[in-house]
Amino acid sequence: MTDDIKYNADELYQAAIHIYTEATPNSNSMKFMLSFLLMHDEQIKDYDSVAAAEESPLAQSLFAHFDFIKRVFMAKNFVTITKESNDDMDWYEASPLIRQFLRLYFEEKKPVFVDNMPATEVQLNQDTPSVKRIKDILNEYIRPAVEMDGGAIFFHSFEEMTGTLKVTLQGSCKGCPSSVVTLKQGIENLFRSMMPEVKEVMAEN
């Protein structure tokens, strides 16, 4: 069992602040890479409204400042912003504005999360051998590639009788049409070759 994982505001701004953008397969999402860590490697935060982001002043500020933002997704060293699909603002205009906003926010050392943000709950591992193998494949072969595209993928469930694996997609992958293709042609084929008992991979969002 590992120690509880908490947001550590004291360690957040120890590194120089550099921010650059990376396009994602989802044309409505842009990934803003950071030169420092926001949180532990296995933590993510996904907010789809100001109300949902009550634990994150950063996410609330982004929603309040940019009315075209639909979702704010945060992982260890990046923030993925998803804008409304019907908004006229394109990324050529929006990216510099968001990047400048983030730079000033971090330079002023404003809080990313509230001080009383709860620790991540540590649970006992009760995975079956099949589920453990699935999670290992996800973590080693699939998650790094998904994170490069500004998203995240997590195990949801596995039905051993039918061989149906359900995963949860977040960040730029959530609602992206190309993620369906990736899920079927990429992830499903990988599992079929590495773990034949997995017959189908589906997204559960």
C-alpha atoms as a PDB file:
ATOM      1  CA  MET A   1       0.000   0.000   0.000  1.00  0.00           C
ATOM      2  CA  THR A   2       1.374   3.426  -0.905  1.00  0.00           C
ATOM      3  CA  ASP A   3       1.083   6.697   0.975  1.00  0.00           C
ATOM      4  CA  ASP A   4      -1.900   8.910   0.296  1.00  0.00           C
ATOM      5  CA  ILE A   5      -1.357  11.214  -2.672  1.00  0.00           C
ATOM      6  CA  LYS A   6      -2.049  14.886  -2.075  1.00  0.00           C
ATOM      7  CA  TYR A   7      -1.747  18.055  -4.090  1.00  0.00           C
ATOM      8  CA  ASN A   8       1.396  19.761  -2.799  1.00  0.00           C
ATOM      9  CA  ALA A   9       1.229  23.510  -3.400  1.00  0.00           C
ATOM     10  CA  ASP A  10       4.692  24.049  -1.884  1.00  0.00           C
ATOM     11  CA  GLU A  11       6.376  21.932  -4.557  1.00  0.00           C
ATOM     12  CA  LEU A  12       4.327  23.111  -7.533  1.00  0.00           C
ATOM     13  CA  TYR A  13       6.434  26.075  -8.632  1.00  0.00           C
ATOM     14  CA  GLN A  14       9.959  24.777  -8.038  1.00  0.00           C
ATOM     15  CA  ALA A  15      10.687  24.425 -11.778  1.00  0.00           C
ATOM     16  CA  ALA A  16      10.908  27.128 -14.443  1.00  0.00           C
ATOM     17  CA  ILE A  17       7.554  27.827 -16.071  1.00  0.00           C
ATOM     18  CA  HIS A  18       7.380  26.871 -19.724  1.00  0.00           C
ATOM     19  CA  ILE A  19       4.160  26.116 -21.607  1.00  0.00           C
ATOM     20  CA  TYR A  20       3.771  24.856 -25.141  1.00  0.00           C
ATOM     21  CA  THR A  21       0.851  23.479 -27.113  1.00  0.00           C
ATOM     22  CA  GLU A  22       0.300  20.151 -28.836  1.00  0.00           C
ATOM     23  CA  ALA A  23      -2.572  19.384 -31.175  1.00  0.00           C
ATOM     24  CA  THR A  24      -4.701  16.336 -30.382  1.00  0.00           C
ATOM     25  CA  PRO A  25      -6.720  13.977 -32.612  1.00  0.00           C
ATOM     26  CA  ASN A  26      -9.798  15.802 -31.357  1.00  0.00           C
ATOM     27  CA  SER A  27     -10.020  19.066 -33.319  1.00  0.00           C
ATOM     28  CA  ASN A  28     -11.961  20.652 -30.437  1.00  0.00           C
ATOM     29  CA  SER A  29      -9.211  19.937 -27.885  1.00  0.00           C
ATOM     30  CA  MET A  30      -5.744  21.400 -27.389  1.00  0.00           C
ATOM     31  CA  LYS A  31      -3.070  20.092 -25.043  1.00  0.00           C
ATOM     32  CA  PHE A  32      -1.027  22.606 -23.021  1.00  0.00           C
ATOM     33  CA  MET A  33       2.195  20.969 -21.866  1.00  0.00           C
ATOM     34  CA  LEU A  34       3.815  22.256 -18.642  1.00  0.00           C
ATOM     35  CA  SER A  35       7.454  22.196 -17.528  1.00  0.00           C
ATOM     36  CA  PHE A  36       6.417  21.123 -14.020  1.00  0.00           C
ATOM     37  CA  LEU A  37       4.107  18.589 -12.405  1.00  0.00           C
ATOM     38  CA  LEU A  38       0.586  19.455 -11.331  1.00  0.00           C
ATOM     39  CA  MET A  39      -0.108  16.187  -9.555  1.00  0.00           C
ATOM     40  CA  HIS A  40       0.981  12.602  -9.062  1.00  0.00           C
ATOM     41  CA  ASP A  41       1.471  10.441 -12.135  1.00  0.00           C
ATOM     42  CA  GLU A  42      -1.739   8.445 -11.637  1.00  0.00           C
ATOM     43  CA  GLN A  43      -4.041  11.324 -10.757  1.00  0.00           C
ATOM     44  CA  ILE A  44      -6.301  13.173 -13.198  1.00  0.00           C
ATOM     45  CA  LYS A  45      -9.000  15.807 -12.866  1.00  0.00           C
ATOM     46  CA  ASP A  46     -11.757  16.316 -15.420  1.00  0.00           C
ATOM     47  CA  TYR A  47     -14.201  19.235 -15.146  1.00  0.00           C
ATOM     48  CA  ASP A  48     -17.097  20.043 -17.465  1.00  0.00           C
ATOM     49  CA  SER A  49     -18.411  23.171 -15.714  1.00  0.00           C
ATOM     50  CA  VAL A  50     -17.571  25.843 -13.153  1.00  0.00           C
ATOM     51  CA  ALA A  51     -19.762  24.062 -10.614  1.00  0.00           C
ATOM     52  CA  ALA A  52     -17.936  20.770 -11.116  1.00  0.00           C
ATOM     53  CA  ALA A  53     -14.591  22.517 -10.643  1.00  0.00           C
ATOM     54  CA  GLU A  54     -15.191  23.805  -7.122  1.00  0.00           C
ATOM     55  CA  GLU A  55     -11.978  22.133  -5.887  1.00  0.00           C
ATOM     56  CA  SER A  56      -9.848  23.835  -8.567  1.00  0.00           C
ATOM     57  CA  PRO A  57      -9.514  27.635  -8.699  1.00  0.00           C
ATOM     58  CA  LEU A  58      -7.450  27.212 -11.875  1.00  0.00           C
ATOM     59  CA  ALA A  59     -10.218  25.362 -13.730  1.00  0.00           C
ATOM     60  CA  GLN A  60     -12.844  27.789 -12.449  1.00  0.00           C
ATOM     61  CA  SER A  61     -10.754  30.731 -13.672  1.00  0.00           C
ATOM     62  CA  LEU A  62     -10.393  29.177 -17.114  1.00  0.00           C
ATOM     63  CA  PHE A  63     -14.147  28.666 -17.417  1.00  0.00           C
ATOM     64  CA  ALA A  64     -14.828  32.206 -16.209  1.00  0.00           C
ATOM     65  CA  HIS A  65     -12.247  33.851 -18.465  1.00  0.00           C
ATOM     66  CA  PHE A  66     -12.979  31.969 -21.689  1.00  0.00           C
ATOM     67  CA  ASP A  67     -16.646  31.431 -22.471  1.00  0.00           C
ATOM     68  CA  PHE A  68     -15.844  29.016 -25.298  1.00  0.00           C
ATOM     69  CA  ILE A  69     -14.290  26.410 -22.978  1.00  0.00           C
ATOM     70  CA  LYS A  70     -16.397  23.275 -22.581  1.00  0.00           C
ATOM     71  CA  ARG A  71     -14.072  21.048 -20.539  1.00  0.00           C
ATOM     72  CA  VAL A  72     -10.838  21.323 -18.530  1.00  0.00           C
ATOM     73  CA  PHE A  73      -8.834  18.130 -18.106  1.00  0.00           C
ATOM     74  CA  MET A  74      -5.679  18.056 -15.944  1.00  0.00           C
ATOM     75  CA  ALA A  75      -3.068  15.338 -15.619  1.00  0.00           C
ATOM     76  CA  LYS A  76       0.468  15.129 -14.250  1.00  0.00           C
ATOM     77  CA  ASN A  77       2.116  17.734 -16.511  1.00  0.00           C
ATOM     78  CA  PHE A  78      -0.495  18.995 -18.926  1.00  0.00           C
ATOM     79  CA  VAL A  79      -3.884  20.678 -19.208  1.00  0.00           C
ATOM     80  CA  THR A  80      -6.187  19.730 -22.070  1.00  0.00           C
ATOM     81  CA  ILE A  81      -8.766  22.339 -23.003  1.00  0.00           C
ATOM     82  CA  THR A  82     -11.847  21.346 -25.000  1.00  0.00           C
ATOM     83  CA  LYS A  83     -13.866  24.105 -26.606  1.00  0.00           C
ATOM     84  CA  GLU A  84     -17.463  24.135 -27.764  1.00  0.00           C
ATOM     85  CA  SER A  85     -17.688  22.512 -31.202  1.00  0.00           C
ATOM     86  CA  ASN A  86     -19.966  25.248 -32.541  1.00  0.00           C
ATOM     87  CA  ASP A  87     -17.805  28.142 -31.330  1.00  0.00           C
ATOM     88  CA  ASP A  88     -16.301  30.447 -33.949  1.00  0.00           C
ATOM     89  CA  MET A  89     -13.036  30.822 -32.030  1.00  0.00           C
ATOM     90  CA  ASP A  90     -10.350  28.655 -33.639  1.00  0.00           C
ATOM     91  CA  TRP A  91      -7.186  27.397 -31.968  1.00  0.00           C
ATOM     92  CA  TYR A  92      -4.987  29.778 -33.955  1.00  0.00           C
ATOM     93  CA  GLU A  93      -6.623  32.588 -31.960  1.00  0.00           C
ATOM     94  CA  ALA A  94      -7.436  30.746 -28.746  1.00  0.00           C
ATOM     95  CA  SER A  95      -4.132  28.939 -28.020  1.00  0.00           C
ATOM     96  CA  PRO A  96      -1.975  32.055 -27.468  1.00  0.00           C
ATOM     97  CA  LEU A  97      -4.646  33.557 -25.217  1.00  0.00           C
ATOM     98  CA  ILE A  98      -4.923  30.442 -23.057  1.00  0.00           C
ATOM     99  CA  ARG A  99      -1.162  29.956 -22.954  1.00  0.00           C
ATOM    100  CA  GLN A 100      -0.663  33.546 -21.779  1.00  0.00           C
ATOM    101  CA  PHE A 101      -3.421  33.156 -19.206  1.00  0.00           C
ATOM    102  CA  LEU A 102      -1.818  29.981 -17.817  1.00  0.00           C
ATOM    103  CA  ARG A 103       1.654  31.534 -17.742  1.00  0.00           C
ATOM    104  CA  LEU A 104       0.451  34.568 -15.760  1.00  0.00           C
ATOM    105  CA  TYR A 105      -1.597  32.350 -13.455  1.00  0.00           C
ATOM    106  CA  PHE A 106       1.413  30.193 -12.612  1.00  0.00           C
ATOM    107  CA  GLU A 107       3.845  33.112 -12.437  1.00  0.00           C
ATOM    108  CA  GLU A 108       1.594  34.721  -9.837  1.00  0.00           C
ATOM    109  CA  LYS A 109       1.630  31.396  -7.948  1.00  0.00           C
ATOM    110  CA  LYS A 110      -2.110  31.172  -7.733  1.00  0.00           C
ATOM    111  CA  PRO A 111      -3.584  27.919  -6.402  1.00  0.00           C
ATOM    112  CA  VAL A 112      -4.375  25.044  -8.749  1.00  0.00           C
ATOM    113  CA  PHE A 113      -6.476  23.247  -6.140  1.00  0.00           C
ATOM    114  CA  VAL A 114      -8.023  24.237  -2.832  1.00  0.00           C
ATOM    115  CA  ASP A 115      -5.859  23.589   0.215  1.00  0.00           C
ATOM    116  CA  ASN A 116      -8.249  21.044   1.661  1.00  0.00           C
ATOM    117  CA  MET A 117      -8.369  18.911  -1.469  1.00  0.00           C
ATOM    118  CA  PRO A 118      -8.818  15.341  -0.156  1.00  0.00           C
ATOM    119  CA  ALA A 119      -6.129  12.728  -0.521  1.00  0.00           C
ATOM    120  CA  THR A 120      -6.589  10.010  -3.089  1.00  0.00           C
ATOM    121  CA  GLU A 121      -8.247   6.996  -1.508  1.00  0.00           C
ATOM    122  CA  VAL A 122      -6.017   3.933  -1.465  1.00  0.00           C
ATOM    123  CA  GLN A 123      -7.907   0.701  -1.995  1.00  0.00           C
ATOM    124  CA  LEU A 124      -6.848  -2.889  -1.594  1.00  0.00           C
ATOM    125  CA  ASN A 125      -6.072  -4.663  -4.848  1.00  0.00           C
ATOM    126  CA  GLN A 126      -8.706  -7.351  -5.438  1.00  0.00           C
ATOM    127  CA  ASP A 127      -8.125  -7.764  -9.173  1.00  0.00           C
ATOM    128  CA  THR A 128      -8.412 -11.149 -10.822  1.00  0.00           C
ATOM    129  CA  PRO A 129      -5.377 -12.346 -12.828  1.00  0.00           C
ATOM    130  CA  SER A 130      -7.144 -11.332 -16.066  1.00  0.00           C
ATOM    131  CA  VAL A 131      -7.925  -7.827 -14.829  1.00  0.00           C
ATOM    132  CA  LYS A 132      -4.374  -7.412 -13.538  1.00  0.00           C
ATOM    133  CA  ARG A 133      -3.010  -8.373 -16.971  1.00  0.00           C
ATOM    134  CA  ILE A 134      -5.403  -5.947 -18.685  1.00  0.00           C
ATOM    135  CA  LYS A 135      -4.318  -3.083 -16.434  1.00  0.00           C
ATOM    136  CA  ASP A 136      -0.663  -3.908 -17.054  1.00  0.00           C
ATOM    137  CA  ILE A 137      -1.197  -3.737 -20.832  1.00  0.00           C
ATOM    138  CA  LEU A 138      -3.129  -0.482 -20.516  1.00  0.00           C
ATOM    139  CA  ASN A 139      -0.438   1.117 -18.365  1.00  0.00           C
ATOM    140  CA  GLU A 140       2.570  -0.082 -20.344  1.00  0.00           C
ATOM    141  CA  TYR A 141       1.452  -0.005 -23.979  1.00  0.00           C
ATOM    142  CA  ILE A 142      -1.625   2.206 -24.295  1.00  0.00           C
ATOM    143  CA  ARG A 143      -1.773   4.940 -21.657  1.00  0.00           C
ATOM    144  CA  PRO A 144       1.486   6.695 -22.692  1.00  0.00           C
ATOM    145  CA  ALA A 145       0.256   7.038 -26.279  1.00  0.00           C
ATOM    146  CA  VAL A 146      -3.158   8.301 -25.163  1.00  0.00           C
ATOM    147  CA  GLU A 147      -1.537  10.872 -22.849  1.00  0.00           C
ATOM    148  CA  MET A 148       0.546  12.124 -25.772  1.00  0.00           C
ATOM    149  CA  ASP A 149      -2.760  12.995 -27.449  1.00  0.00           C
ATOM    150  CA  GLY A 150      -3.944  14.935 -24.397  1.00  0.00           C
ATOM    151  CA  GLY A 151      -6.248  12.290 -22.996  1.00  0.00           C
ATOM    152  CA  ALA A 152      -6.409   9.432 -20.538  1.00  0.00           C
ATOM    153  CA  ILE A 153      -7.676   5.852 -20.552  1.00  0.00           C
ATOM    154  CA  PHE A 154      -8.669   3.762 -17.544  1.00  0.00           C
ATOM    155  CA  PHE A 155      -9.939   0.268 -16.895  1.00  0.00           C
ATOM    156  CA  HIS A 156     -13.686   0.164 -16.218  1.00  0.00           C
ATOM    157  CA  SER A 157     -14.707  -3.509 -16.223  1.00  0.00           C
ATOM    158  CA  PHE A 158     -14.090  -6.869 -17.835  1.00  0.00           C
ATOM    159  CA  GLU A 159     -16.734  -9.519 -18.512  1.00  0.00           C
ATOM    160  CA  GLU A 160     -14.823 -12.791 -18.667  1.00  0.00           C
ATOM    161  CA  MET A 161     -17.753 -14.783 -20.078  1.00  0.00           C
ATOM    162  CA  THR A 162     -18.039 -12.603 -23.197  1.00  0.00           C
ATOM    163  CA  GLY A 163     -14.500 -11.217 -23.331  1.00  0.00           C
ATOM    164  CA  THR A 164     -15.826  -7.642 -23.321  1.00  0.00           C
ATOM    165  CA  LEU A 165     -13.449  -5.045 -21.925  1.00  0.00           C
ATOM    166  CA  LYS A 166     -14.842  -1.606 -21.078  1.00  0.00           C
ATOM    167  CA  VAL A 167     -12.547   1.377 -20.658  1.00  0.00           C
ATOM    168  CA  THR A 168     -13.132   4.989 -19.656  1.00  0.00           C
ATOM    169  CA  LEU A 169     -11.802   7.728 -21.936  1.00  0.00           C
ATOM    170  CA  GLN A 170     -11.167  11.247 -20.677  1.00  0.00           C
ATOM    171  CA  GLY A 171      -9.576  14.478 -21.819  1.00  0.00           C
ATOM    172  CA  SER A 172      -9.294  15.016 -25.567  1.00  0.00           C
ATOM    173  CA  CYS A 173     -10.379  11.402 -26.183  1.00  0.00           C
ATOM    174  CA  LYS A 174     -13.811  11.924 -24.678  1.00  0.00           C
ATOM    175  CA  GLY A 175     -16.328  12.524 -27.457  1.00  0.00           C
ATOM    176  CA  CYS A 176     -13.671  12.500 -30.169  1.00  0.00           C
ATOM    177  CA  PRO A 177     -14.817  10.633 -33.323  1.00  0.00           C
ATOM    178  CA  SER A 178     -11.298   9.395 -34.050  1.00  0.00           C
ATOM    179  CA  SER A 179     -11.114   7.768 -30.612  1.00  0.00           C
ATOM    180  CA  VAL A 180     -13.681   5.194 -31.780  1.00  0.00           C
ATOM    181  CA  VAL A 181     -11.386   4.213 -34.633  1.00  0.00           C
ATOM    182  CA  THR A 182      -8.400   4.090 -32.274  1.00  0.00           C
ATOM    183  CA  LEU A 183     -10.381   1.990 -29.835  1.00  0.00           C
ATOM    184  CA  LYS A 184     -11.377  -0.595 -32.448  1.00  0.00           C
ATOM    185  CA  GLN A 185      -8.427  -0.671 -34.839  1.00  0.00           C
ATOM    186  CA  GLY A 186      -5.683   0.055 -32.343  1.00  0.00           C
ATOM    187  CA  ILE A 187      -6.488  -0.908 -28.773  1.00  0.00           C
ATOM    188  CA  GLU A 188      -8.819  -3.814 -29.559  1.00  0.00           C
ATOM    189  CA  ASN A 189      -6.345  -5.349 -32.030  1.00  0.00           C
ATOM    190  CA  LEU A 190      -3.510  -4.963 -29.529  1.00  0.00           C
ATOM    191  CA  PHE A 191      -5.460  -6.786 -26.839  1.00  0.00           C
ATOM    192  CA  ARG A 192      -6.496  -9.549 -29.233  1.00  0.00           C
ATOM    193  CA  SER A 193      -2.855 -10.205 -30.087  1.00  0.00           C
ATOM    194  CA  MET A 194      -1.504  -9.921 -26.536  1.00  0.00           C
ATOM    195  CA  MET A 195      -4.479 -11.322 -24.614  1.00  0.00           C
ATOM    196  CA  PRO A 196      -6.817 -13.423 -26.801  1.00  0.00           C
ATOM    197  CA  GLU A 197      -9.432 -13.726 -24.060  1.00  0.00           C
ATOM    198  CA  VAL A 198     -10.301 -10.071 -24.736  1.00  0.00           C
ATOM    199  CA  LYS A 199     -12.715 -10.207 -27.682  1.00  0.00           C
ATOM    200  CA  GLU A 200     -14.041  -6.655 -27.730  1.00  0.00           C
ATOM    201  CA  VAL A 201     -13.079  -3.257 -26.323  1.00  0.00           C
ATOM    202  CA  MET A 202     -15.753  -0.652 -25.667  1.00  0.00           C
ATOM    203  CA  ALA A 203     -15.784   2.864 -24.195  1.00  0.00           C
ATOM    204  CA  GLU A 204     -17.884   3.382 -21.067  1.00  0.00           C
ATOM    205  CA  ASN A 205     -18.403   7.120 -20.492  1.00  0.00           C
END
